[in-house]
Amino acid sequence: MSHRALPILTCLIAIAALGIHLIPGAAAALQLDRDAVGEGEVWRAFTCHLTHVDTGHLVWNLAMFLALGFWLERRHPGRFRFVLAVAGFAIAPVIVLTMPDLDLYRGLSGIDSALFAWLAFDLIRAGLRERRPGAIVMPALLAAGFVLKVALEAAYGATLFVDSSASAMVPVPLAHVVGGLAGLVAS
């Protein structure tokens, strides 16, 4: 287990997301745009995770990413990169293939979901391995809360933490589901 002082990849991704948010036109040039991807701009399937609709969207996504990234990258740098890659490769194609009416997508929350699911599963697995049933309770409750959050967002068409009605943001709970599954599979 590694305990690097600074999780470099987490910091680079956060800086990139912040920079893209601050540079006029950058988010639009890098978001998942169904037509642009169809015309060959396939990088958008990856850069879309660094783009956000508004500052509130960015702040919530970055807060979760930084918290999880600082914890996970320092302890498991190789696995961290693998989970990022699996989630990063899975989310956009699933959205494009299963949501034909969604033309644009932005956000880091699918990646956040992958990291969250990985961490919860890893803590549950450690509690089982160490035969400490009490250590399983909190991560299991957090995992159940995640499932409930995604179900409520899907049922009501609104996000719980970001005010999607105040911006042009279209909630995409599927990104959280795919991210969560990617985190489980890659862990």
N, C-alpha and C. Protein backbone atom coordinates (compact mmCIF):
# COMPACT_ATOMS: atom_id res chain seq x y z
N MET A 1 0.84 -1.18 0.00
CA MET A 1 0.00 0.00 0.00
C MET A 1 0.88 1.24 0.00
N SER A 2 0.63 2.15 -0.89
CA SER A 2 1.42 3.37 -1.02
C SER A 2 0.74 4.50 -0.25
N HIS A 3 1.55 5.40 0.28
CA HIS A 3 1.01 6.57 0.97
C HIS A 3 1.73 7.82 0.49
N ARG A 4 1.69 8.04 -0.82
CA ARG A 4 2.33 9.23 -1.37
C ARG A 4 1.76 10.47 -0.71
N ALA A 5 2.61 11.47 -0.55
CA ALA A 5 2.18 12.70 0.10
C ALA A 5 1.13 13.45 -0.72
N LEU A 6 1.28 13.44 -2.02
CA LEU A 6 0.36 14.20 -2.86
C LEU A 6 -0.16 13.31 -3.99
N PRO A 7 -1.47 13.16 -4.07
CA PRO A 7 -2.03 12.36 -5.17
C PRO A 7 -2.02 13.17 -6.47
N ILE A 8 -1.00 12.98 -7.25
CA ILE A 8 -0.72 13.79 -8.43
C ILE A 8 -1.86 13.74 -9.46
N LEU A 9 -2.34 12.54 -9.80
CA LEU A 9 -3.38 12.43 -10.82
C LEU A 9 -4.67 13.12 -10.37
N THR A 10 -5.03 12.95 -9.11
CA THR A 10 -6.21 13.62 -8.58
C THR A 10 -6.07 15.13 -8.73
N CYS A 11 -4.91 15.65 -8.37
CA CYS A 11 -4.68 17.09 -8.47
C CYS A 11 -4.71 17.57 -9.93
N LEU A 12 -4.10 16.80 -10.83
CA LEU A 12 -4.10 17.20 -12.25
C LEU A 12 -5.51 17.22 -12.84
N ILE A 13 -6.29 16.21 -12.50
CA ILE A 13 -7.68 16.16 -13.01
C ILE A 13 -8.48 17.32 -12.45
N ALA A 14 -8.32 17.62 -11.17
CA ALA A 14 -9.05 18.73 -10.56
C ALA A 14 -8.65 20.06 -11.19
N ILE A 15 -7.36 20.25 -11.41
CA ILE A 15 -6.88 21.48 -12.03
C ILE A 15 -7.41 21.60 -13.46
N ALA A 16 -7.42 20.49 -14.19
CA ALA A 16 -7.95 20.51 -15.56
C ALA A 16 -9.43 20.88 -15.56
N ALA A 17 -10.21 20.28 -14.67
CA ALA A 17 -11.65 20.59 -14.61
C ALA A 17 -11.88 22.05 -14.25
N LEU A 18 -11.11 22.56 -13.30
CA LEU A 18 -11.23 23.96 -12.92
C LEU A 18 -10.81 24.88 -14.07
N GLY A 19 -9.71 24.55 -14.72
CA GLY A 19 -9.25 25.36 -15.84
C GLY A 19 -10.25 25.40 -16.99
N ILE A 20 -10.80 24.24 -17.31
CA ILE A 20 -11.80 24.17 -18.38
C ILE A 20 -13.01 25.02 -18.02
N HIS A 21 -13.38 25.00 -16.76
CA HIS A 21 -14.53 25.80 -16.32
C HIS A 21 -14.25 27.29 -16.45
N LEU A 22 -13.02 27.69 -16.21
CA LEU A 22 -12.68 29.12 -16.21
C LEU A 22 -12.38 29.68 -17.59
N ILE A 23 -12.04 28.84 -18.55
CA ILE A 23 -11.70 29.31 -19.89
C ILE A 23 -12.98 29.38 -20.74
N PRO A 24 -13.35 30.57 -21.18
CA PRO A 24 -14.58 30.70 -21.97
C PRO A 24 -14.56 29.79 -23.21
N GLY A 25 -15.64 29.04 -23.38
CA GLY A 25 -15.80 28.16 -24.54
C GLY A 25 -15.15 26.80 -24.41
N ALA A 26 -14.30 26.59 -23.42
CA ALA A 26 -13.58 25.32 -23.30
C ALA A 26 -14.55 24.17 -22.99
N ALA A 27 -15.49 24.37 -22.09
CA ALA A 27 -16.42 23.29 -21.74
C ALA A 27 -17.25 22.87 -22.95
N ALA A 28 -17.71 23.82 -23.72
CA ALA A 28 -18.50 23.49 -24.91
C ALA A 28 -17.66 22.73 -25.94
N ALA A 29 -16.38 23.05 -26.02
CA ALA A 29 -15.50 22.38 -26.98
C ALA A 29 -15.12 20.97 -26.55
N LEU A 30 -15.29 20.67 -25.27
CA LEU A 30 -14.84 19.38 -24.74
C LEU A 30 -15.96 18.49 -24.20
N GLN A 31 -17.18 19.02 -24.11
CA GLN A 31 -18.31 18.23 -23.60
C GLN A 31 -18.64 17.08 -24.55
N LEU A 32 -19.37 16.11 -24.05
CA LEU A 32 -19.86 15.05 -24.92
C LEU A 32 -20.97 15.65 -25.77
N ASP A 33 -20.74 15.71 -27.05
CA ASP A 33 -21.68 16.24 -28.02
C ASP A 33 -21.90 15.14 -29.04
N ARG A 34 -23.09 14.59 -29.04
CA ARG A 34 -23.40 13.44 -29.88
C ARG A 34 -23.03 13.68 -31.35
N ASP A 35 -23.37 14.84 -31.88
CA ASP A 35 -23.07 15.14 -33.29
C ASP A 35 -21.56 15.24 -33.53
N ALA A 36 -20.86 15.92 -32.63
CA ALA A 36 -19.42 16.09 -32.80
C ALA A 36 -18.69 14.74 -32.71
N VAL A 37 -19.13 13.88 -31.79
CA VAL A 37 -18.52 12.55 -31.68
C VAL A 37 -18.78 11.77 -32.97
N GLY A 38 -20.00 11.90 -33.51
CA GLY A 38 -20.35 11.23 -34.76
C GLY A 38 -19.52 11.71 -35.93
N GLU A 39 -19.01 12.93 -35.84
CA GLU A 39 -18.17 13.50 -36.89
C GLU A 39 -16.69 13.24 -36.64
N GLY A 40 -16.37 12.40 -35.63
CA GLY A 40 -14.99 12.00 -35.40
C GLY A 40 -14.31 12.59 -34.19
N GLU A 41 -14.97 13.47 -33.46
CA GLU A 41 -14.35 14.08 -32.28
C GLU A 41 -14.52 13.16 -31.07
N VAL A 42 -13.91 11.98 -31.15
CA VAL A 42 -14.12 10.94 -30.14
C VAL A 42 -13.51 11.29 -28.78
N TRP A 43 -12.55 12.21 -28.73
CA TRP A 43 -11.95 12.59 -27.45
C TRP A 43 -13.00 13.14 -26.50
N ARG A 44 -14.09 13.66 -27.03
CA ARG A 44 -15.14 14.22 -26.18
C ARG A 44 -15.74 13.18 -25.24
N ALA A 45 -15.64 11.90 -25.61
CA ALA A 45 -16.14 10.83 -24.74
C ALA A 45 -15.32 10.75 -23.45
N PHE A 46 -14.13 11.31 -23.45
CA PHE A 46 -13.28 11.30 -22.26
C PHE A 46 -13.22 12.68 -21.62
N THR A 47 -13.10 13.73 -22.44
CA THR A 47 -12.97 15.08 -21.88
C THR A 47 -14.27 15.58 -21.26
N CYS A 48 -15.40 14.95 -21.61
CA CYS A 48 -16.69 15.39 -21.06
C CYS A 48 -16.71 15.32 -19.54
N HIS A 49 -15.92 14.42 -18.97
CA HIS A 49 -15.89 14.28 -17.51
C HIS A 49 -15.26 15.49 -16.84
N LEU A 50 -14.51 16.27 -17.57
CA LEU A 50 -13.84 17.45 -17.02
C LEU A 50 -14.67 18.72 -17.21
N THR A 51 -15.80 18.62 -17.87
CA THR A 51 -16.63 19.79 -18.15
C THR A 51 -17.84 19.81 -17.22
N HIS A 52 -18.33 21.02 -16.92
CA HIS A 52 -19.47 21.16 -16.01
C HIS A 52 -20.39 22.27 -16.51
N VAL A 53 -21.65 22.16 -16.13
CA VAL A 53 -22.67 23.09 -16.60
C VAL A 53 -22.54 24.46 -15.94
N ASP A 54 -22.27 24.47 -14.64
CA ASP A 54 -22.15 25.73 -13.92
C ASP A 54 -21.24 25.52 -12.71
N THR A 55 -21.02 26.58 -11.96
CA THR A 55 -20.10 26.52 -10.83
C THR A 55 -20.59 25.55 -9.75
N GLY A 56 -21.88 25.54 -9.47
CA GLY A 56 -22.41 24.61 -8.48
C GLY A 56 -22.14 23.16 -8.86
N HIS A 57 -22.36 22.85 -10.12
CA HIS A 57 -22.09 21.50 -10.64
C HIS A 57 -20.61 21.16 -10.45
N LEU A 58 -19.74 22.08 -10.81
CA LEU A 58 -18.30 21.87 -10.66
C LEU A 58 -17.91 21.67 -9.20
N VAL A 59 -18.41 22.53 -8.32
CA VAL A 59 -18.02 22.47 -6.90
C VAL A 59 -18.41 21.14 -6.28
N TRP A 60 -19.64 20.69 -6.49
CA TRP A 60 -20.08 19.41 -5.93
C TRP A 60 -19.25 18.26 -6.50
N ASN A 61 -19.06 18.27 -7.81
CA ASN A 61 -18.30 17.19 -8.44
C ASN A 61 -16.85 17.18 -7.97
N LEU A 62 -16.23 18.34 -7.91
CA LEU A 62 -14.82 18.41 -7.49
C LEU A 62 -14.65 18.09 -6.01
N ALA A 63 -15.58 18.52 -5.18
CA ALA A 63 -15.48 18.21 -3.75
C ALA A 63 -15.45 16.70 -3.53
N MET A 64 -16.35 16.00 -4.18
CA MET A 64 -16.39 14.54 -4.04
C MET A 64 -15.14 13.91 -4.66
N PHE A 65 -14.76 14.38 -5.83
CA PHE A 65 -13.60 13.81 -6.51
C PHE A 65 -12.33 14.01 -5.69
N LEU A 66 -12.14 15.20 -5.16
CA LEU A 66 -10.94 15.47 -4.38
C LEU A 66 -10.90 14.63 -3.10
N ALA A 67 -12.03 14.54 -2.41
CA ALA A 67 -12.07 13.75 -1.17
C ALA A 67 -11.74 12.28 -1.46
N LEU A 68 -12.42 11.71 -2.44
CA LEU A 68 -12.19 10.30 -2.78
C LEU A 68 -10.80 10.09 -3.39
N GLY A 69 -10.40 10.99 -4.28
CA GLY A 69 -9.11 10.87 -4.94
C GLY A 69 -7.95 10.97 -3.97
N PHE A 70 -8.01 11.91 -3.02
CA PHE A 70 -6.93 12.04 -2.05
C PHE A 70 -6.80 10.77 -1.23
N TRP A 71 -7.92 10.16 -0.88
CA TRP A 71 -7.88 8.94 -0.08
C TRP A 71 -7.39 7.75 -0.92
N LEU A 72 -8.04 7.53 -2.05
CA LEU A 72 -7.81 6.31 -2.83
C LEU A 72 -6.50 6.32 -3.61
N GLU A 73 -6.16 7.43 -4.24
CA GLU A 73 -4.93 7.44 -5.03
C GLU A 73 -3.70 7.26 -4.15
N ARG A 74 -3.72 7.84 -2.96
CA ARG A 74 -2.57 7.70 -2.05
C ARG A 74 -2.39 6.26 -1.58
N ARG A 75 -3.49 5.55 -1.41
CA ARG A 75 -3.41 4.19 -0.87
C ARG A 75 -3.25 3.12 -1.95
N HIS A 76 -3.86 3.34 -3.09
CA HIS A 76 -3.85 2.34 -4.17
C HIS A 76 -3.68 3.04 -5.52
N PRO A 77 -2.51 3.61 -5.81
CA PRO A 77 -2.35 4.41 -7.03
C PRO A 77 -2.62 3.64 -8.32
N GLY A 78 -2.17 2.41 -8.40
CA GLY A 78 -2.41 1.63 -9.62
C GLY A 78 -3.88 1.31 -9.81
N ARG A 79 -4.53 0.88 -8.77
CA ARG A 79 -5.96 0.57 -8.84
C ARG A 79 -6.77 1.83 -9.12
N PHE A 80 -6.34 2.96 -8.55
CA PHE A 80 -7.00 4.25 -8.79
C PHE A 80 -7.00 4.56 -10.28
N ARG A 81 -5.85 4.45 -10.92
CA ARG A 81 -5.76 4.72 -12.36
C ARG A 81 -6.64 3.75 -13.14
N PHE A 82 -6.68 2.49 -12.73
CA PHE A 82 -7.48 1.49 -13.42
C PHE A 82 -8.98 1.80 -13.30
N VAL A 83 -9.43 2.15 -12.10
CA VAL A 83 -10.85 2.49 -11.91
C VAL A 83 -11.21 3.72 -12.74
N LEU A 84 -10.34 4.73 -12.75
CA LEU A 84 -10.59 5.91 -13.58
C LEU A 84 -10.71 5.53 -15.05
N ALA A 85 -9.83 4.68 -15.52
CA ALA A 85 -9.84 4.28 -16.93
C ALA A 85 -11.12 3.50 -17.26
N VAL A 86 -11.47 2.54 -16.44
CA VAL A 86 -12.67 1.74 -16.71
C VAL A 86 -13.90 2.63 -16.73
N ALA A 87 -14.06 3.47 -15.72
CA ALA A 87 -15.23 4.36 -15.68
C ALA A 87 -15.19 5.36 -16.83
N GLY A 88 -14.01 5.93 -17.07
CA GLY A 88 -13.88 6.91 -18.15
C GLY A 88 -14.22 6.35 -19.52
N PHE A 89 -13.87 5.09 -19.73
CA PHE A 89 -14.17 4.44 -21.01
C PHE A 89 -15.62 3.96 -21.09
N ALA A 90 -16.25 3.69 -19.98
CA ALA A 90 -17.59 3.08 -19.99
C ALA A 90 -18.74 4.08 -20.05
N ILE A 91 -18.63 5.18 -19.34
CA ILE A 91 -19.78 6.06 -19.12
C ILE A 91 -20.31 6.68 -20.42
N ALA A 92 -19.48 7.38 -21.15
CA ALA A 92 -19.95 8.08 -22.36
C ALA A 92 -20.53 7.14 -23.41
N PRO A 93 -19.87 6.03 -23.74
CA PRO A 93 -20.46 5.13 -24.75
C PRO A 93 -21.83 4.59 -24.34
N VAL A 94 -22.00 4.27 -23.06
CA VAL A 94 -23.31 3.79 -22.61
C VAL A 94 -24.36 4.89 -22.76
N ILE A 95 -24.00 6.11 -22.41
CA ILE A 95 -24.94 7.23 -22.57
C ILE A 95 -25.30 7.41 -24.04
N VAL A 96 -24.31 7.41 -24.90
CA VAL A 96 -24.56 7.61 -26.34
C VAL A 96 -25.44 6.49 -26.90
N LEU A 97 -25.17 5.27 -26.48
CA LEU A 97 -25.93 4.12 -27.03
C LEU A 97 -27.33 3.97 -26.46
N THR A 98 -27.54 4.38 -25.23
CA THR A 98 -28.84 4.11 -24.59
C THR A 98 -29.72 5.34 -24.39
N MET A 99 -29.18 6.52 -24.62
CA MET A 99 -29.96 7.75 -24.45
C MET A 99 -29.92 8.58 -25.74
N PRO A 100 -30.59 8.12 -26.78
CA PRO A 100 -30.49 8.79 -28.08
C PRO A 100 -31.03 10.22 -28.09
N ASP A 101 -31.85 10.59 -27.12
CA ASP A 101 -32.39 11.95 -27.08
C ASP A 101 -31.48 12.93 -26.34
N LEU A 102 -30.44 12.44 -25.69
CA LEU A 102 -29.52 13.30 -24.96
C LEU A 102 -28.38 13.69 -25.90
N ASP A 103 -28.33 14.96 -26.25
CA ASP A 103 -27.32 15.42 -27.20
C ASP A 103 -26.01 15.83 -26.54
N LEU A 104 -26.09 16.34 -25.29
CA LEU A 104 -24.90 16.86 -24.61
C LEU A 104 -24.79 16.26 -23.21
N TYR A 105 -23.57 16.04 -22.78
CA TYR A 105 -23.34 15.52 -21.42
C TYR A 105 -22.07 16.12 -20.87
N ARG A 106 -22.13 16.50 -19.59
CA ARG A 106 -20.97 17.05 -18.88
C ARG A 106 -20.96 16.50 -17.45
N GLY A 107 -19.78 16.34 -16.90
CA GLY A 107 -19.68 16.10 -15.47
C GLY A 107 -18.74 15.00 -15.04
N LEU A 108 -18.27 15.16 -13.82
CA LEU A 108 -17.35 14.25 -13.17
C LEU A 108 -18.07 13.29 -12.23
N SER A 109 -19.39 13.44 -12.12
CA SER A 109 -20.13 12.65 -11.13
C SER A 109 -20.15 11.16 -11.42
N GLY A 110 -20.08 10.76 -12.67
CA GLY A 110 -20.01 9.34 -12.98
C GLY A 110 -18.70 8.74 -12.48
N ILE A 111 -17.62 9.49 -12.64
CA ILE A 111 -16.32 9.07 -12.13
C ILE A 111 -16.36 9.05 -10.60
N ASP A 112 -16.96 10.09 -10.01
CA ASP A 112 -17.13 10.11 -8.55
C ASP A 112 -17.87 8.87 -8.08
N SER A 113 -18.89 8.48 -8.81
CA SER A 113 -19.68 7.31 -8.45
C SER A 113 -18.84 6.04 -8.50
N ALA A 114 -17.96 5.96 -9.49
CA ALA A 114 -17.07 4.79 -9.59
C ALA A 114 -16.15 4.73 -8.38
N LEU A 115 -15.57 5.86 -8.01
CA LEU A 115 -14.67 5.90 -6.87
C LEU A 115 -15.41 5.58 -5.57
N PHE A 116 -16.60 6.12 -5.43
CA PHE A 116 -17.40 5.88 -4.23
C PHE A 116 -17.76 4.40 -4.10
N ALA A 117 -18.23 3.80 -5.19
CA ALA A 117 -18.60 2.38 -5.17
C ALA A 117 -17.38 1.52 -4.86
N TRP A 118 -16.24 1.84 -5.46
CA TRP A 118 -15.01 1.10 -5.20
C TRP A 118 -14.66 1.17 -3.71
N LEU A 119 -14.67 2.39 -3.15
CA LEU A 119 -14.31 2.56 -1.75
C LEU A 119 -15.27 1.80 -0.84
N ALA A 120 -16.57 1.93 -1.06
CA ALA A 120 -17.54 1.23 -0.22
C ALA A 120 -17.34 -0.28 -0.30
N PHE A 121 -17.18 -0.80 -1.51
CA PHE A 121 -16.99 -2.24 -1.69
C PHE A 121 -15.67 -2.69 -1.05
N ASP A 122 -14.64 -1.89 -1.19
CA ASP A 122 -13.34 -2.23 -0.62
C ASP A 122 -13.42 -2.28 0.91
N LEU A 123 -14.14 -1.35 1.52
CA LEU A 123 -14.29 -1.35 2.98
C LEU A 123 -15.13 -2.53 3.45
N ILE A 124 -16.17 -2.86 2.71
CA ILE A 124 -17.00 -4.02 3.06
C ILE A 124 -16.17 -5.29 2.95
N ARG A 125 -15.43 -5.41 1.86
CA ARG A 125 -14.59 -6.58 1.65
C ARG A 125 -13.54 -6.72 2.76
N ALA A 126 -12.95 -5.61 3.18
CA ALA A 126 -11.95 -5.64 4.25
C ALA A 126 -12.59 -6.08 5.57
N GLY A 127 -13.79 -5.58 5.86
CA GLY A 127 -14.49 -6.00 7.07
C GLY A 127 -14.80 -7.48 7.08
N LEU A 128 -15.20 -8.00 5.92
CA LEU A 128 -15.48 -9.43 5.82
C LEU A 128 -14.20 -10.25 5.97
N ARG A 129 -13.15 -9.81 5.30
CA ARG A 129 -11.87 -10.53 5.34
C ARG A 129 -11.31 -10.56 6.76
N GLU A 130 -11.45 -9.46 7.48
CA GLU A 130 -10.92 -9.36 8.85
C GLU A 130 -11.91 -9.87 9.89
N ARG A 131 -13.06 -10.36 9.44
CA ARG A 131 -14.11 -10.88 10.32
C ARG A 131 -14.52 -9.85 11.37
N ARG A 132 -14.76 -8.64 10.87
CA ARG A 132 -15.23 -7.55 11.74
C ARG A 132 -16.56 -7.05 11.20
N PRO A 133 -17.66 -7.71 11.59
CA PRO A 133 -18.98 -7.34 11.06
C PRO A 133 -19.34 -5.87 11.30
N GLY A 134 -18.89 -5.31 12.41
CA GLY A 134 -19.20 -3.91 12.69
C GLY A 134 -18.58 -2.95 11.69
N ALA A 135 -17.47 -3.36 11.08
CA ALA A 135 -16.79 -2.52 10.10
C ALA A 135 -17.52 -2.48 8.77
N ILE A 136 -18.50 -3.34 8.61
CA ILE A 136 -19.25 -3.42 7.37
C ILE A 136 -20.45 -2.47 7.37
N VAL A 137 -20.94 -2.13 8.55
CA VAL A 137 -22.20 -1.38 8.68
C VAL A 137 -22.14 -0.03 7.97
N MET A 138 -21.15 0.80 8.28
CA MET A 138 -21.10 2.14 7.69
C MET A 138 -20.94 2.11 6.18
N PRO A 139 -19.99 1.36 5.62
CA PRO A 139 -19.90 1.35 4.15
C PRO A 139 -21.14 0.76 3.49
N ALA A 140 -21.79 -0.21 4.15
CA ALA A 140 -23.02 -0.78 3.58
C ALA A 140 -24.13 0.26 3.59
N LEU A 141 -24.23 1.05 4.65
CA LEU A 141 -25.23 2.13 4.70
C LEU A 141 -24.94 3.20 3.66
N LEU A 142 -23.68 3.53 3.49
CA LEU A 142 -23.31 4.51 2.46
C LEU A 142 -23.64 3.99 1.06
N ALA A 143 -23.36 2.72 0.82
CA ALA A 143 -23.69 2.12 -0.48
C ALA A 143 -25.19 2.12 -0.71
N ALA A 144 -25.96 1.79 0.32
CA ALA A 144 -27.43 1.83 0.21
C ALA A 144 -27.91 3.25 -0.04
N GLY A 145 -27.28 4.23 0.62
CA GLY A 145 -27.63 5.63 0.39
C GLY A 145 -27.35 6.06 -1.05
N PHE A 146 -26.25 5.57 -1.60
CA PHE A 146 -25.91 5.87 -2.99
C PHE A 146 -26.99 5.31 -3.93
N VAL A 147 -27.38 4.06 -3.71
CA VAL A 147 -28.41 3.43 -4.54
C VAL A 147 -29.72 4.21 -4.42
N LEU A 148 -30.09 4.61 -3.21
CA LEU A 148 -31.32 5.38 -3.00
C LEU A 148 -31.23 6.74 -3.70
N LYS A 149 -30.09 7.41 -3.60
CA LYS A 149 -29.89 8.71 -4.27
C LYS A 149 -30.11 8.59 -5.77
N VAL A 150 -29.48 7.59 -6.38
CA VAL A 150 -29.61 7.41 -7.82
C VAL A 150 -31.05 7.06 -8.20
N ALA A 151 -31.70 6.24 -7.40
CA ALA A 151 -33.10 5.88 -7.67
C ALA A 151 -34.01 7.10 -7.58
N LEU A 152 -33.79 7.95 -6.58
CA LEU A 152 -34.61 9.17 -6.45
C LEU A 152 -34.36 10.12 -7.62
N GLU A 153 -33.11 10.26 -8.02
CA GLU A 153 -32.80 11.13 -9.17
C GLU A 153 -33.45 10.61 -10.44
N ALA A 154 -33.44 9.29 -10.61
CA ALA A 154 -34.08 8.71 -11.80
C ALA A 154 -35.59 8.88 -11.74
N ALA A 155 -36.17 8.71 -10.57
CA ALA A 155 -37.62 8.80 -10.43
C ALA A 155 -38.13 10.22 -10.59
N TYR A 156 -37.39 11.20 -10.06
CA TYR A 156 -37.87 12.58 -10.06
C TYR A 156 -37.24 13.46 -11.13
N GLY A 157 -36.22 12.96 -11.83
CA GLY A 157 -35.60 13.73 -12.90
C GLY A 157 -34.87 14.97 -12.43
N ALA A 158 -34.40 14.94 -11.19
CA ALA A 158 -33.66 16.07 -10.63
C ALA A 158 -32.52 15.53 -9.77
N THR A 159 -31.46 16.30 -9.67
CA THR A 159 -30.34 15.88 -8.84
C THR A 159 -30.58 16.30 -7.39
N LEU A 160 -29.96 15.60 -6.46
CA LEU A 160 -30.14 15.90 -5.04
C LEU A 160 -29.20 17.00 -4.56
N PHE A 161 -28.01 17.07 -5.10
CA PHE A 161 -27.03 18.01 -4.57
C PHE A 161 -26.84 19.25 -5.43
N VAL A 162 -27.00 19.13 -6.71
CA VAL A 162 -26.83 20.27 -7.62
C VAL A 162 -28.21 20.73 -8.04
N ASP A 163 -28.44 22.04 -8.03
CA ASP A 163 -29.73 22.59 -8.44
C ASP A 163 -29.83 22.55 -9.96
N SER A 164 -30.31 21.43 -10.47
CA SER A 164 -30.39 21.26 -11.93
C SER A 164 -31.46 22.16 -12.55
N SER A 165 -32.43 22.60 -11.76
CA SER A 165 -33.48 23.46 -12.32
C SER A 165 -32.97 24.88 -12.56
N ALA A 166 -31.91 25.29 -11.87
CA ALA A 166 -31.38 26.65 -12.03
C ALA A 166 -30.47 26.78 -13.24
N SER A 167 -30.11 25.68 -13.84
CA SER A 167 -29.23 25.72 -15.01
C SER A 167 -29.84 24.88 -16.12
N ALA A 168 -29.12 24.76 -17.19
CA ALA A 168 -29.60 23.95 -18.32
C ALA A 168 -29.21 22.49 -18.15
N MET A 169 -28.82 22.10 -16.95
CA MET A 169 -28.34 20.74 -16.74
C MET A 169 -29.47 19.73 -16.78
N VAL A 170 -29.24 18.68 -17.55
CA VAL A 170 -30.16 17.55 -17.61
C VAL A 170 -29.55 16.44 -16.75
N PRO A 171 -30.23 16.05 -15.66
CA PRO A 171 -29.69 14.98 -14.82
C PRO A 171 -29.56 13.67 -15.61
N VAL A 172 -28.47 12.96 -15.39
CA VAL A 172 -28.22 11.70 -16.08
C VAL A 172 -27.85 10.64 -15.02
N PRO A 173 -28.86 10.13 -14.30
CA PRO A 173 -28.57 9.11 -13.28
C PRO A 173 -27.88 7.87 -13.87
N LEU A 174 -28.08 7.61 -15.16
CA LEU A 174 -27.42 6.48 -15.79
C LEU A 174 -25.89 6.60 -15.68
N ALA A 175 -25.36 7.81 -15.73
CA ALA A 175 -23.92 8.00 -15.59
C ALA A 175 -23.45 7.53 -14.22
N HIS A 176 -24.28 7.75 -13.20
CA HIS A 176 -23.93 7.32 -11.84
C HIS A 176 -24.02 5.80 -11.72
N VAL A 177 -25.01 5.22 -12.36
CA VAL A 177 -25.16 3.76 -12.35
C VAL A 177 -23.96 3.11 -13.05
N VAL A 178 -23.65 3.59 -14.24
CA VAL A 178 -22.53 3.02 -15.00
C VAL A 178 -21.22 3.24 -14.24
N GLY A 179 -21.04 4.44 -13.70
CA GLY A 179 -19.85 4.70 -12.91
C GLY A 179 -19.74 3.78 -11.71
N GLY A 180 -20.85 3.64 -10.97
CA GLY A 180 -20.85 2.76 -9.80
C GLY A 180 -20.52 1.32 -10.18
N LEU A 181 -21.12 0.84 -11.26
CA LEU A 181 -20.84 -0.52 -11.72
C LEU A 181 -19.38 -0.66 -12.17
N ALA A 182 -18.86 0.36 -12.84
CA ALA A 182 -17.46 0.34 -13.27
C ALA A 182 -16.54 0.29 -12.05
N GLY A 183 -16.88 1.03 -11.01
CA GLY A 183 -16.09 1.01 -9.79
C GLY A 183 -16.10 -0.37 -9.14
N LEU A 184 -17.26 -1.02 -9.15
CA LEU A 184 -17.35 -2.37 -8.57
C LEU A 184 -16.56 -3.37 -9.39
N VAL A 185 -16.73 -3.32 -10.70
CA VAL A 185 -16.06 -4.26 -11.58
C VAL A 185 -14.54 -4.07 -11.52
N ALA A 186 -14.09 -2.83 -11.52
CA ALA A 186 -12.66 -2.55 -11.55
C ALA A 186 -11.98 -2.73 -10.20
N SER A 187 -12.78 -2.79 -9.14
CA SER A 187 -12.16 -2.92 -7.82
C SER A 187 -11.72 -4.34 -7.59
